[in-house]
Amino acid sequence: MVIKCSQCGGKLRRVHRTFLERFQLLAVYECRECDTETPVPRPYTYHFGPHCRCPRCGTYRLNRLKERDRIDRMSTGLLNLLERVAGGKLIHCRFCRLQFYDRRILASEAAAAENQHPGAARN
């Protein structure tokens, strides 16, 4: 499997990370033609940021559920438990078929709110 550059479509090669980048990134790839660097974040970084992301695949394309689906699996772990205790809503990833709790707003809801009020100031 060859990873391609999102800018020019050239082949990517893996480059060395700095000591601090090793804690944040799984890998850093650089394009051979245009020298564009593409970082690959570690999964724990999905828990930071303004919008919720799937803890397994990292996608922003998520759905809210009213109640737990007994067929799809539930995310286990300390962070999921803390989100549930803190009042997080039940979220479902349609790609991984994973359910988890999160307090942050969905990216699709944020985009819809921005389209309704395009002149509103951002926080």
PDB file of N, CA and C in Angstrom:
ATOM      1  N   MET A   1       0.841  -1.173   0.000  1.00  0.00           N
ATOM      2  CA  MET A   1       0.000   0.000   0.000  1.00  0.00           C
ATOM      3  C   MET A   1       0.892   1.244   0.000  1.00  0.00           C
ATOM      4  N   VAL A   2       0.693   2.109  -0.963  1.00  0.00           N
ATOM      5  CA  VAL A   2       1.472   3.331  -1.086  1.00  0.00           C
ATOM      6  C   VAL A   2       0.604   4.504  -0.651  1.00  0.00           C
ATOM      7  N   ILE A   3       1.120   5.296   0.273  1.00  0.00           N
ATOM      8  CA  ILE A   3       0.406   6.478   0.739  1.00  0.00           C
ATOM      9  C   ILE A   3       0.740   7.628  -0.192  1.00  0.00           C
ATOM     10  N   LYS A   4      -0.286   8.380  -0.624  1.00  0.00           N
ATOM     11  CA  LYS A   4      -0.077   9.462  -1.570  1.00  0.00           C
ATOM     12  C   LYS A   4      -0.310  10.817  -0.927  1.00  0.00           C
ATOM     13  N   CYS A   5       0.348  11.821  -1.479  1.00  0.00           N
ATOM     14  CA  CYS A   5       0.259  13.202  -1.011  1.00  0.00           C
ATOM     15  C   CYS A   5      -1.119  13.776  -1.353  1.00  0.00           C
ATOM     16  N   SER A   6      -1.701  14.519  -0.431  1.00  0.00           N
ATOM     17  CA  SER A   6      -3.000  15.142  -0.684  1.00  0.00           C
ATOM     18  C   SER A   6      -2.875  16.385  -1.555  1.00  0.00           C
ATOM     19  N   GLN A   7      -1.688  16.954  -1.659  1.00  0.00           N
ATOM     20  CA  GLN A   7      -1.469  18.152  -2.468  1.00  0.00           C
ATOM     21  C   GLN A   7      -1.203  17.814  -3.933  1.00  0.00           C
ATOM     22  N   CYS A   8      -0.194  16.959  -4.188  1.00  0.00           N
ATOM     23  CA  CYS A   8       0.239  16.704  -5.569  1.00  0.00           C
ATOM     24  C   CYS A   8       0.034  15.262  -6.021  1.00  0.00           C
ATOM     25  N   GLY A   9      -0.261  14.341  -5.104  1.00  0.00           N
ATOM     26  CA  GLY A   9      -0.465  12.943  -5.464  1.00  0.00           C
ATOM     27  C   GLY A   9       0.818  12.131  -5.518  1.00  0.00           C
ATOM     28  N   GLY A  10       1.943  12.723  -5.102  1.00  0.00           N
ATOM     29  CA  GLY A  10       3.221  12.015  -5.105  1.00  0.00           C
ATOM     30  C   GLY A  10       3.332  11.024  -3.954  1.00  0.00           C
ATOM     31  N   LYS A  11       4.362  10.200  -4.000  1.00  0.00           N
ATOM     32  CA  LYS A  11       4.585   9.210  -2.945  1.00  0.00           C
ATOM     33  C   LYS A  11       5.101   9.892  -1.685  1.00  0.00           C
ATOM     34  N   LEU A  12       4.668   9.374  -0.535  1.00  0.00           N
ATOM     35  CA  LEU A  12       5.120   9.883   0.756  1.00  0.00           C
ATOM     36  C   LEU A  12       6.167   8.950   1.337  1.00  0.00           C
ATOM     37  N   ARG A  13       7.103   9.528   2.060  1.00  0.00           N
ATOM     38  CA  ARG A  13       8.081   8.725   2.787  1.00  0.00           C
ATOM     39  C   ARG A  13       8.033   9.135   4.252  1.00  0.00           C
ATOM     40  N   ARG A  14       8.333   8.193   5.105  1.00  0.00           N
ATOM     41  CA  ARG A  14       8.288   8.455   6.536  1.00  0.00           C
ATOM     42  C   ARG A  14       9.553   9.184   6.970  1.00  0.00           C
ATOM     43  N   VAL A  15       9.376  10.205   7.841  1.00  0.00           N
ATOM     44  CA  VAL A  15      10.515  10.976   8.333  1.00  0.00           C
ATOM     45  C   VAL A  15      10.583  10.843   9.849  1.00  0.00           C
ATOM     46  N   HIS A  16      11.721  11.191  10.406  1.00  0.00           N
ATOM     47  CA  HIS A  16      11.927  11.093  11.844  1.00  0.00           C
ATOM     48  C   HIS A  16      11.128  12.151  12.582  1.00  0.00           C
ATOM     49  N   ARG A  17      10.655  11.769  13.764  1.00  0.00           N
ATOM     50  CA  ARG A  17       9.933  12.693  14.633  1.00  0.00           C
ATOM     51  C   ARG A  17      10.876  13.200  15.706  1.00  0.00           C
ATOM     52  N   THR A  18      10.575  14.400  16.222  1.00  0.00           N
ATOM     53  CA  THR A  18      11.337  14.924  17.348  1.00  0.00           C
ATOM     54  C   THR A  18      10.888  14.194  18.610  1.00  0.00           C
ATOM     55  N   PHE A  19      11.581  14.420  19.696  1.00  0.00           N
ATOM     56  CA  PHE A  19      11.253  13.756  20.958  1.00  0.00           C
ATOM     57  C   PHE A  19       9.826  14.091  21.400  1.00  0.00           C
ATOM     58  N   LEU A  20       9.430  15.355  21.306  1.00  0.00           N
ATOM     59  CA  LEU A  20       8.085  15.745  21.719  1.00  0.00           C
ATOM     60  C   LEU A  20       7.016  15.276  20.741  1.00  0.00           C
ATOM     61  N   GLU A  21       7.347  15.200  19.464  1.00  0.00           N
ATOM     62  CA  GLU A  21       6.381  14.713  18.479  1.00  0.00           C
ATOM     63  C   GLU A  21       6.043  13.244  18.688  1.00  0.00           C
ATOM     64  N   ARG A  22       6.929  12.494  19.298  1.00  0.00           N
ATOM     65  CA  ARG A  22       6.661  11.080  19.551  1.00  0.00           C
ATOM     66  C   ARG A  22       5.482  10.869  20.496  1.00  0.00           C
ATOM     67  N   PHE A  23       5.207  11.836  21.368  1.00  0.00           N
ATOM     68  CA  PHE A  23       4.078  11.724  22.290  1.00  0.00           C
ATOM     69  C   PHE A  23       2.767  12.119  21.632  1.00  0.00           C
ATOM     70  N   GLN A  24       2.811  12.944  20.594  1.00  0.00           N
ATOM     71  CA  GLN A  24       1.600  13.435  19.935  1.00  0.00           C
ATOM     72  C   GLN A  24       1.275  12.705  18.642  1.00  0.00           C
ATOM     73  N   LEU A  25       2.284  12.249  17.914  1.00  0.00           N
ATOM     74  CA  LEU A  25       2.079  11.719  16.572  1.00  0.00           C
ATOM     75  C   LEU A  25       2.542  10.273  16.451  1.00  0.00           C
ATOM     76  N   LEU A  26       1.772   9.480  15.715  1.00  0.00           N
ATOM     77  CA  LEU A  26       2.195   8.113  15.408  1.00  0.00           C
ATOM     78  C   LEU A  26       3.288   8.122  14.355  1.00  0.00           C
ATOM     79  N   ALA A  27       3.145   8.998  13.361  1.00  0.00           N
ATOM     80  CA  ALA A  27       4.116   9.065  12.275  1.00  0.00           C
ATOM     81  C   ALA A  27       4.036  10.424  11.601  1.00  0.00           C
ATOM     82  N   VAL A  28       5.102  10.770  10.895  1.00  0.00           N
ATOM     83  CA  VAL A  28       5.127  11.963  10.056  1.00  0.00           C
ATOM     84  C   VAL A  28       5.628  11.523   8.684  1.00  0.00           C
ATOM     85  N   TYR A  29       4.835  11.861   7.652  1.00  0.00           N
ATOM     86  CA  TYR A  29       5.202  11.525   6.286  1.00  0.00           C
ATOM     87  C   TYR A  29       5.515  12.806   5.523  1.00  0.00           C
ATOM     88  N   GLU A  30       6.463  12.715   4.583  1.00  0.00           N
ATOM     89  CA  GLU A  30       6.847  13.858   3.765  1.00  0.00           C
ATOM     90  C   GLU A  30       6.753  13.462   2.293  1.00  0.00           C
ATOM     91  N   CYS A  31       6.200  14.365   1.482  1.00  0.00           N
ATOM     92  CA  CYS A  31       6.070  14.130   0.051  1.00  0.00           C
ATOM     93  C   CYS A  31       7.442  14.266  -0.610  1.00  0.00           C
ATOM     94  N   ARG A  32       7.747  13.381  -1.537  1.00  0.00           N
ATOM     95  CA  ARG A  32       9.039  13.411  -2.232  1.00  0.00           C
ATOM     96  C   ARG A  32       9.102  14.542  -3.248  1.00  0.00           C
ATOM     97  N   GLU A  33       7.946  14.954  -3.807  1.00  0.00           N
ATOM     98  CA  GLU A  33       7.937  15.998  -4.825  1.00  0.00           C
ATOM     99  C   GLU A  33       7.801  17.406  -4.241  1.00  0.00           C
ATOM    100  N   CYS A  34       6.768  17.621  -3.393  1.00  0.00           N
ATOM    101  CA  CYS A  34       6.474  18.986  -2.926  1.00  0.00           C
ATOM    102  C   CYS A  34       6.925  19.259  -1.489  1.00  0.00           C
ATOM    103  N   ASP A  35       7.528  18.308  -0.803  1.00  0.00           N
ATOM    104  CA  ASP A  35       8.046  18.447   0.563  1.00  0.00           C
ATOM    105  C   ASP A  35       6.981  18.840   1.590  1.00  0.00           C
ATOM    106  N   THR A  36       5.725  18.466   1.349  1.00  0.00           N
ATOM    107  CA  THR A  36       4.650  18.707   2.302  1.00  0.00           C
ATOM    108  C   THR A  36       4.671  17.619   3.366  1.00  0.00           C
ATOM    109  N   GLU A  37       4.618  18.022   4.650  1.00  0.00           N
ATOM    110  CA  GLU A  37       4.589  17.046   5.741  1.00  0.00           C
ATOM    111  C   GLU A  37       3.151  16.727   6.129  1.00  0.00           C
ATOM    112  N   THR A  38       2.869  15.455   6.347  1.00  0.00           N
ATOM    113  CA  THR A  38       1.553  14.990   6.752  1.00  0.00           C
ATOM    114  C   THR A  38       1.688  14.248   8.073  1.00  0.00           C
ATOM    115  N   PRO A  39       1.194  14.835   9.184  1.00  0.00           N
ATOM    116  CA  PRO A  39       1.278  14.134  10.470  1.00  0.00           C
ATOM    117  C   PRO A  39       0.105  13.172  10.659  1.00  0.00           C
ATOM    118  N   VAL A  40       0.333  12.095  11.389  1.00  0.00           N
ATOM    119  CA  VAL A  40      -0.699  11.123  11.757  1.00  0.00           C
ATOM    120  C   VAL A  40      -0.811  11.171  13.279  1.00  0.00           C
ATOM    121  N   PRO A  41      -1.936  11.717  13.831  1.00  0.00           N
ATOM    122  CA  PRO A  41      -2.034  11.881  15.283  1.00  0.00           C
ATOM    123  C   PRO A  41      -2.279  10.560  16.017  1.00  0.00           C
ATOM    124  N   ARG A  42      -1.895  10.538  17.279  1.00  0.00           N
ATOM    125  CA  ARG A  42      -2.169   9.382  18.140  1.00  0.00           C
ATOM    126  C   ARG A  42      -3.657   9.398  18.526  1.00  0.00           C
ATOM    127  N   PRO A  43      -4.249   8.234  18.765  1.00  0.00           N
ATOM    128  CA  PRO A  43      -5.683   8.180  19.062  1.00  0.00           C
ATOM    129  C   PRO A  43      -6.114   8.940  20.323  1.00  0.00           C
ATOM    130  N   TYR A  44      -5.243   9.084  21.328  1.00  0.00           N
ATOM    131  CA  TYR A  44      -5.669   9.794  22.531  1.00  0.00           C
ATOM    132  C   TYR A  44      -5.911  11.281  22.242  1.00  0.00           C
ATOM    133  N   THR A  45      -5.320  11.814  21.175  1.00  0.00           N
ATOM    134  CA  THR A  45      -5.524  13.225  20.841  1.00  0.00           C
ATOM    135  C   THR A  45      -6.929  13.487  20.304  1.00  0.00           C
ATOM    136  N   TYR A  46      -7.680  12.433  19.954  1.00  0.00           N
ATOM    137  CA  TYR A  46      -9.054  12.609  19.493  1.00  0.00           C
ATOM    138  C   TYR A  46      -9.965  13.121  20.614  1.00  0.00           C
ATOM    139  N   HIS A  47      -9.545  12.978  21.860  1.00  0.00           N
ATOM    140  CA  HIS A  47     -10.358  13.424  22.985  1.00  0.00           C
ATOM    141  C   HIS A  47     -10.215  14.914  23.255  1.00  0.00           C
ATOM    142  N   PHE A  48      -9.290  15.586  22.566  1.00  0.00           N
ATOM    143  CA  PHE A  48      -9.091  17.017  22.724  1.00  0.00           C
ATOM    144  C   PHE A  48      -9.669  17.721  21.503  1.00  0.00           C
ATOM    145  N   GLY A  49     -10.129  18.938  21.678  1.00  0.00           N
ATOM    146  CA  GLY A  49     -10.663  19.696  20.546  1.00  0.00           C
ATOM    147  C   GLY A  49     -12.108  20.090  20.780  1.00  0.00           C
ATOM    148  N   PRO A  50     -12.648  20.965  19.941  1.00  0.00           N
ATOM    149  CA  PRO A  50     -13.996  21.492  20.157  1.00  0.00           C
ATOM    150  C   PRO A  50     -15.118  20.547  19.738  1.00  0.00           C
ATOM    151  N   HIS A  51     -14.855  19.598  18.851  1.00  0.00           N
ATOM    152  CA  HIS A  51     -15.897  18.699  18.346  1.00  0.00           C
ATOM    153  C   HIS A  51     -15.544  17.256  18.678  1.00  0.00           C
ATOM    154  N   CYS A  52     -16.586  16.426  18.852  1.00  0.00           N
ATOM    155  CA  CYS A  52     -16.312  15.034  19.197  1.00  0.00           C
ATOM    156  C   CYS A  52     -15.889  14.245  17.959  1.00  0.00           C
ATOM    157  N   ARG A  53     -15.010  13.280  18.207  1.00  0.00           N
ATOM    158  CA  ARG A  53     -14.483  12.392  17.179  1.00  0.00           C
ATOM    159  C   ARG A  53     -14.589  10.964  17.671  1.00  0.00           C
ATOM    160  N   CYS A  54     -14.644  10.045  16.746  1.00  0.00           N
ATOM    161  CA  CYS A  54     -14.671   8.630  17.106  1.00  0.00           C
ATOM    162  C   CYS A  54     -13.332   8.263  17.744  1.00  0.00           C
ATOM    163  N   PRO A  55     -13.338   7.626  18.918  1.00  0.00           N
ATOM    164  CA  PRO A  55     -12.075   7.268  19.563  1.00  0.00           C
ATOM    165  C   PRO A  55     -11.325   6.150  18.846  1.00  0.00           C
ATOM    166  N   ARG A  56     -11.966   5.460  17.926  1.00  0.00           N
ATOM    167  CA  ARG A  56     -11.295   4.369  17.217  1.00  0.00           C
ATOM    168  C   ARG A  56     -10.744   4.800  15.863  1.00  0.00           C
ATOM    169  N   CYS A  57     -11.584   5.446  15.026  1.00  0.00           N
ATOM    170  CA  CYS A  57     -11.128   5.799  13.674  1.00  0.00           C
ATOM    171  C   CYS A  57     -10.881   7.292  13.489  1.00  0.00           C
ATOM    172  N   GLY A  58     -11.390   8.139  14.387  1.00  0.00           N
ATOM    173  CA  GLY A  58     -11.115   9.566  14.334  1.00  0.00           C
ATOM    174  C   GLY A  58     -12.025  10.375  13.439  1.00  0.00           C
ATOM    175  N   THR A  59     -13.078   9.788  12.894  1.00  0.00           N
ATOM    176  CA  THR A  59     -13.961  10.525  11.998  1.00  0.00           C
ATOM    177  C   THR A  59     -14.841  11.513  12.774  1.00  0.00           C
ATOM    178  N   TYR A  60     -15.246  12.575  12.069  1.00  0.00           N
ATOM    179  CA  TYR A  60     -16.170  13.556  12.640  1.00  0.00           C
ATOM    180  C   TYR A  60     -17.618  13.239  12.250  1.00  0.00           C
ATOM    181  N   ARG A  61     -17.828  12.287  11.357  1.00  0.00           N
ATOM    182  CA  ARG A  61     -19.169  11.965  10.854  1.00  0.00           C
ATOM    183  C   ARG A  61     -19.852  10.995  11.812  1.00  0.00           C
ATOM    184  N   LEU A  62     -20.488  11.542  12.841  1.00  0.00           N
ATOM    185  CA  LEU A  62     -21.084  10.767  13.924  1.00  0.00           C
ATOM    186  C   LEU A  62     -22.568  11.083  14.051  1.00  0.00           C
ATOM    187  N   ASN A  63     -23.293  10.197  14.739  1.00  0.00           N
ATOM    188  CA  ASN A  63     -24.717  10.381  15.015  1.00  0.00           C
ATOM    189  C   ASN A  63     -24.961  10.305  16.509  1.00  0.00           C
ATOM    190  N   ARG A  64     -25.985  11.017  16.965  1.00  0.00           N
ATOM    191  CA  ARG A  64     -26.426  10.908  18.353  1.00  0.00           C
ATOM    192  C   ARG A  64     -27.471   9.803  18.463  1.00  0.00           C
ATOM    193  N   LEU A  65     -27.437   9.073  19.562  1.00  0.00           N
ATOM    194  CA  LEU A  65     -28.435   8.036  19.827  1.00  0.00           C
ATOM    195  C   LEU A  65     -29.236   8.416  21.059  1.00  0.00           C
ATOM    196  N   LYS A  66     -30.526   8.048  21.061  1.00  0.00           N
ATOM    197  CA  LYS A  66     -31.358   8.305  22.231  1.00  0.00           C
ATOM    198  C   LYS A  66     -31.150   7.236  23.297  1.00  0.00           C
ATOM    199  N   GLU A  67     -30.946   6.000  22.846  1.00  0.00           N
ATOM    200  CA  GLU A  67     -30.693   4.906  23.780  1.00  0.00           C
ATOM    201  C   GLU A  67     -29.660   3.964  23.183  1.00  0.00           C
ATOM    202  N   ARG A  68     -29.092   3.142  24.026  1.00  0.00           N
ATOM    203  CA  ARG A  68     -28.010   2.240  23.612  1.00  0.00           C
ATOM    204  C   ARG A  68     -28.525   1.172  22.659  1.00  0.00           C
ATOM    205  N   ASP A  69     -27.765   0.923  21.612  1.00  0.00           N
ATOM    206  CA  ASP A  69     -28.049  -0.141  20.656  1.00  0.00           C
ATOM    207  C   ASP A  69     -27.388  -1.409  21.183  1.00  0.00           C
ATOM    208  N   ARG A  70     -28.146  -2.475  21.353  1.00  0.00           N
ATOM    209  CA  ARG A  70     -27.615  -3.707  21.936  1.00  0.00           C
ATOM    210  C   ARG A  70     -26.767  -4.511  20.953  1.00  0.00           C
ATOM    211  N   ILE A  71     -26.842  -4.214  19.665  1.00  0.00           N
ATOM    212  CA  ILE A  71     -26.073  -4.967  18.672  1.00  0.00           C
ATOM    213  C   ILE A  71     -24.658  -4.425  18.557  1.00  0.00           C
ATOM    214  N   ASP A  72     -24.518  -3.101  18.394  1.00  0.00           N
ATOM    215  CA  ASP A  72     -23.191  -2.503  18.256  1.00  0.00           C
ATOM    216  C   ASP A  72     -22.513  -2.418  19.611  1.00  0.00           C
ATOM    217  N   ARG A  73     -21.188  -2.504  19.597  1.00  0.00           N
ATOM    218  CA  ARG A  73     -20.443  -2.549  20.853  1.00  0.00           C
ATOM    219  C   ARG A  73     -20.282  -1.151  21.454  1.00  0.00           C
ATOM    220  N   MET A  74     -20.056  -1.141  22.752  1.00  0.00           N
ATOM    221  CA  MET A  74     -19.852   0.085  23.518  1.00  0.00           C
ATOM    222  C   MET A  74     -18.369   0.232  23.828  1.00  0.00           C
ATOM    223  N   SER A  75     -17.871   1.442  23.706  1.00  0.00           N
ATOM    224  CA  SER A  75     -16.478   1.718  24.038  1.00  0.00           C
ATOM    225  C   SER A  75     -16.267   1.527  25.532  1.00  0.00           C
ATOM    226  N   THR A  76     -15.196   0.864  25.887  1.00  0.00           N
ATOM    227  CA  THR A  76     -14.869   0.667  27.294  1.00  0.00           C
ATOM    228  C   THR A  76     -13.660   1.520  27.629  1.00  0.00           C
ATOM    229  N   GLY A  77     -13.489   1.778  28.882  1.00  0.00           N
ATOM    230  CA  GLY A  77     -12.315   2.528  29.294  1.00  0.00           C
ATOM    231  C   GLY A  77     -12.666   3.658  30.240  1.00  0.00           C
ATOM    232  N   LEU A  78     -11.632   4.205  30.828  1.00  0.00           N
ATOM    233  CA  LEU A  78     -11.792   5.250  31.820  1.00  0.00           C
ATOM    234  C   LEU A  78     -12.344   6.539  31.226  1.00  0.00           C
ATOM    235  N   LEU A  79     -11.872   6.948  30.062  1.00  0.00           N
ATOM    236  CA  LEU A  79     -12.341   8.195  29.464  1.00  0.00           C
ATOM    237  C   LEU A  79     -13.817   8.132  29.099  1.00  0.00           C
ATOM    238  N   ASN A  80     -14.282   6.996  28.600  1.00  0.00           N
ATOM    239  CA  ASN A  80     -15.695   6.836  28.277  1.00  0.00           C
ATOM    240  C   ASN A  80     -16.547   6.885  29.549  1.00  0.00           C
ATOM    241  N   LEU A  81     -16.084   6.262  30.616  1.00  0.00           N
ATOM    242  CA  LEU A  81     -16.796   6.298  31.890  1.00  0.00           C
ATOM    243  C   LEU A  81     -16.865   7.715  32.446  1.00  0.00           C
ATOM    244  N   LEU A  82     -15.771   8.450  32.373  1.00  0.00           N
ATOM    245  CA  LEU A  82     -15.761   9.835  32.851  1.00  0.00           C
ATOM    246  C   LEU A  82     -16.704  10.723  32.034  1.00  0.00           C
ATOM    247  N   GLU A  83     -16.747  10.528  30.736  1.00  0.00           N
ATOM    248  CA  GLU A  83     -17.662  11.298  29.891  1.00  0.00           C
ATOM    249  C   GLU A  83     -19.112  10.979  30.240  1.00  0.00           C
ATOM    250  N   ARG A  84     -19.413   9.724  30.534  1.00  0.00           N
ATOM    251  CA  ARG A  84     -20.784   9.339  30.885  1.00  0.00           C
ATOM    252  C   ARG A  84     -21.188   9.946  32.219  1.00  0.00           C
ATOM    253  N   VAL A  85     -20.298   9.897  33.197  1.00  0.00           N
ATOM    254  CA  VAL A  85     -20.584  10.456  34.521  1.00  0.00           C
ATOM    255  C   VAL A  85     -20.730  11.978  34.449  1.00  0.00           C
ATOM    256  N   ALA A  86     -19.972  12.610  33.559  1.00  0.00           N
ATOM    257  CA  ALA A  86     -20.001  14.070  33.429  1.00  0.00           C
ATOM    258  C   ALA A  86     -21.193  14.560  32.613  1.00  0.00           C
ATOM    259  N   GLY A  87     -22.058  13.663  32.178  1.00  0.00           N
ATOM    260  CA  GLY A  87     -23.260  14.073  31.468  1.00  0.00           C
ATOM    261  C   GLY A  87     -23.143  14.035  29.961  1.00  0.00           C
ATOM    262  N   GLY A  88     -22.238  13.235  29.446  1.00  0.00           N
ATOM    263  CA  GLY A  88     -22.071  13.134  27.998  1.00  0.00           C
ATOM    264  C   GLY A  88     -23.233  12.418  27.342  1.00  0.00           C
ATOM    265  N   LYS A  89     -23.477  12.754  26.097  1.00  0.00           N
ATOM    266  CA  LYS A  89     -24.547  12.139  25.308  1.00  0.00           C
ATOM    267  C   LYS A  89     -23.990  10.906  24.594  1.00  0.00           C
ATOM    268  N   LEU A  90     -24.886   9.996  24.265  1.00  0.00           N
ATOM    269  CA  LEU A  90     -24.508   8.768  23.584  1.00  0.00           C
ATOM    270  C   LEU A  90     -24.299   9.057  22.101  1.00  0.00           C
ATOM    271  N   ILE A  91     -23.126   8.701  21.594  1.00  0.00           N
ATOM    272  CA  ILE A  91     -22.732   8.964  20.207  1.00  0.00           C
ATOM    273  C   ILE A  91     -22.455   7.627  19.520  1.00  0.00           C
ATOM    274  N   HIS A  92     -22.735   7.555  18.213  1.00  0.00           N
ATOM    275  CA  HIS A  92     -22.517   6.334  17.436  1.00  0.00           C
ATOM    276  C   HIS A  92     -21.703   6.651  16.191  1.00  0.00           C
ATOM    277  N   CYS A  93     -20.673   5.847  15.941  1.00  0.00           N
ATOM    278  CA  CYS A  93     -19.868   5.946  14.717  1.00  0.00           C
ATOM    279  C   CYS A  93     -20.390   4.898  13.743  1.00  0.00           C
ATOM    280  N   ARG A  94     -20.846   5.332  12.588  1.00  0.00           N
ATOM    281  CA  ARG A  94     -21.418   4.401  11.611  1.00  0.00           C
ATOM    282  C   ARG A  94     -20.358   3.599  10.869  1.00  0.00           C
ATOM    283  N   PHE A  95     -19.106   4.063  10.901  1.00  0.00           N
ATOM    284  CA  PHE A  95     -18.046   3.349  10.201  1.00  0.00           C
ATOM    285  C   PHE A  95     -17.491   2.205  11.051  1.00  0.00           C
ATOM    286  N   CYS A  96     -17.228   2.471  12.327  1.00  0.00           N
ATOM    287  CA  CYS A  96     -16.700   1.437  13.235  1.00  0.00           C
ATOM    288  C   CYS A  96     -17.815   0.648  13.925  1.00  0.00           C
ATOM    289  N   ARG A  97     -19.027   1.215  13.881  1.00  0.00           N
ATOM    290  CA  ARG A  97     -20.163   0.670  14.627  1.00  0.00           C
ATOM    291  C   ARG A  97     -19.822   0.630  16.116  1.00  0.00           C
ATOM    292  N   LEU A  98     -19.310   1.746  16.611  1.00  0.00           N
ATOM    293  CA  LEU A  98     -18.895   1.878  17.999  1.00  0.00           C
ATOM    294  C   LEU A  98     -19.761   2.938  18.670  1.00  0.00           C
ATOM    295  N   GLN A  99     -20.183   2.660  19.897  1.00  0.00           N
ATOM    296  CA  GLN A  99     -20.943   3.621  20.689  1.00  0.00           C
ATOM    297  C   GLN A  99     -20.056   4.130  21.814  1.00  0.00           C
ATOM    298  N   PHE A 100     -20.176   5.433  22.110  1.00  0.00           N
ATOM    299  CA  PHE A 100     -19.392   6.030  23.180  1.00  0.00           C
ATOM    300  C   PHE A 100     -20.097   7.289  23.663  1.00  0.00           C
ATOM    301  N   TYR A 101     -19.644   7.809  24.794  1.00  0.00           N
ATOM    302  CA  TYR A 101     -20.213   9.020  25.379  1.00  0.00           C
ATOM    303  C   TYR A 101     -19.267  10.196  25.162  1.00  0.00           C
ATOM    304  N   ASP A 102     -19.849  11.383  24.898  1.00  0.00           N
ATOM    305  CA  ASP A 102     -19.049  12.580  24.702  1.00  0.00           C
ATOM    306  C   ASP A 102     -19.897  13.798  25.039  1.00  0.00           C
ATOM    307  N   ARG A 103     -19.269  14.800  25.669  1.00  0.00           N
ATOM    308  CA  ARG A 103     -19.969  16.035  26.038  1.00  0.00           C
ATOM    309  C   ARG A 103     -19.871  17.110  24.973  1.00  0.00           C
ATOM    310  N   ARG A 104     -18.940  16.969  24.041  1.00  0.00           N
ATOM    311  CA  ARG A 104     -18.715  17.998  23.033  1.00  0.00           C
ATOM    312  C   ARG A 104     -19.784  17.958  21.945  1.00  0.00           C
ATOM    313  N   ILE A 105     -19.882  19.051  21.212  1.00  0.00           N
ATOM    314  CA  ILE A 105     -20.868  19.171  20.144  1.00  0.00           C
ATOM    315  C   ILE A 105     -20.381  18.399  18.918  1.00  0.00           C
ATOM    316  N   LEU A 106     -21.330  17.876  18.145  1.00  0.00           N
ATOM    317  CA  LEU A 106     -20.982  17.205  16.896  1.00  0.00           C
ATOM    318  C   LEU A 106     -20.555  18.236  15.865  1.00  0.00           C
ATOM    319  N   ALA A 107     -19.648  17.873  15.001  1.00  0.00           N
ATOM    320  CA  ALA A 107     -19.174  18.790  13.957  1.00  0.00           C
ATOM    321  C   ALA A 107     -20.308  19.161  13.012  1.00  0.00           C
ATOM    322  N   SER A 108     -21.224  18.225  12.740  1.00  0.00           N
ATOM    323  CA  SER A 108     -22.351  18.516  11.857  1.00  0.00           C
ATOM    324  C   SER A 108     -23.312  19.520  12.502  1.00  0.00           C
ATOM    325  N   GLU A 109     -23.496  19.447  13.815  1.00  0.00           N
ATOM    326  CA  GLU A 109     -24.348  20.413  14.521  1.00  0.00           C
ATOM    327  C   GLU A 109     -23.702  21.792  14.536  1.00  0.00           C
ATOM    328  N   ALA A 110     -22.381  21.847  14.684  1.00  0.00           N
ATOM    329  CA  ALA A 110     -21.677  23.127  14.667  1.00  0.00           C
ATOM    330  C   ALA A 110     -21.769  23.776  13.295  1.00  0.00           C
ATOM    331  N   ALA A 111     -21.669  22.972  12.228  1.00  0.00           N
ATOM    332  CA  ALA A 111     -21.776  23.509  10.872  1.00  0.00           C
ATOM    333  C   ALA A 111     -23.193  24.007  10.597  1.00  0.00           C
ATOM    334  N   ALA A 112     -24.206  23.286  11.095  1.00  0.00           N
ATOM    335  CA  ALA A 112     -25.588  23.713  10.901  1.00  0.00           C
ATOM    336  C   ALA A 112     -25.869  25.010  11.646  1.00  0.00           C
ATOM    337  N   ALA A 113     -25.324  25.146  12.859  1.00  0.00           N
ATOM    338  CA  ALA A 113     -25.512  26.378  13.633  1.00  0.00           C
ATOM    339  C   ALA A 113     -24.806  27.550  12.955  1.00  0.00           C
ATOM    340  N   GLU A 114     -23.649  27.291  12.355  1.00  0.00           N
ATOM    341  CA  GLU A 114     -22.913  28.343  11.644  1.00  0.00           C
ATOM    342  C   GLU A 114     -23.675  28.784  10.395  1.00  0.00           C
ATOM    343  N   ASN A 115     -24.339  27.846   9.703  1.00  0.00           N
ATOM    344  CA  ASN A 115     -25.108  28.193   8.506  1.00  0.00           C
ATOM    345  C   ASN A 115     -26.361  28.998   8.848  1.00  0.00           C
ATOM    346  N   GLN A 116     -26.948  28.747  10.019  1.00  0.00           N
ATOM    347  CA  GLN A 116     -28.138  29.488  10.440  1.00  0.00           C
ATOM    348  C   GLN A 116     -27.782  30.905  10.855  1.00  0.00           C
ATOM    349  N   HIS A 117     -26.633  31.098  11.478  1.00  0.00           N
ATOM    350  CA  HIS A 117     -26.196  32.406  11.967  1.00  0.00           C
ATOM    351  C   HIS A 117     -24.815  32.720  11.414  1.00  0.00           C
ATOM    352  N   PRO A 118     -24.699  33.048  10.117  1.00  0.00           N
ATOM    353  CA  PRO A 118     -23.359  33.251   9.541  1.00  0.00           C
ATOM    354  C   PRO A 118     -22.631  34.476  10.077  1.00  0.00           C
ATOM    355  N   GLY A 119     -23.333  35.458  10.602  1.00  0.00           N
ATOM    356  CA  GLY A 119     -22.671  36.668  11.100  1.00  0.00           C
ATOM    357  C   GLY A 119     -22.339  36.619  12.576  1.00  0.00           C
ATOM    358  N   ALA A 120     -22.667  35.516  13.248  1.00  0.00           N
ATOM    359  CA  ALA A 120     -22.431  35.423  14.695  1.00  0.00           C
ATOM    360  C   ALA A 120     -20.945  35.322  14.983  1.00  0.00           C
ATOM    361  N   ALA A 121     -20.529  35.931  16.075  1.00  0.00           N
ATOM    362  CA  ALA A 121     -19.112  35.898  16.477  1.00  0.00           C
ATOM    363  C   ALA A 121     -18.775  34.536  17.054  1.00  0.00           C
ATOM    364  N   ARG A 122     -17.555  34.064  16.767  1.00  0.00           N
ATOM    365  CA  ARG A 122     -17.096  32.777  17.310  1.00  0.00           C
ATOM    366  C   ARG A 122     -16.436  32.994  18.653  1.00  0.00           C
ATOM    367  N   ASN A 123     -16.535  31.960  19.500  1.00  0.00           N
ATOM    368  CA  ASN A 123     -15.880  32.016  20.816  1.00  0.00           C
ATOM    369  C   ASN A 123     -14.484  31.532  20.725  1.00  0.00           C
TER     370      ASN A 123
END
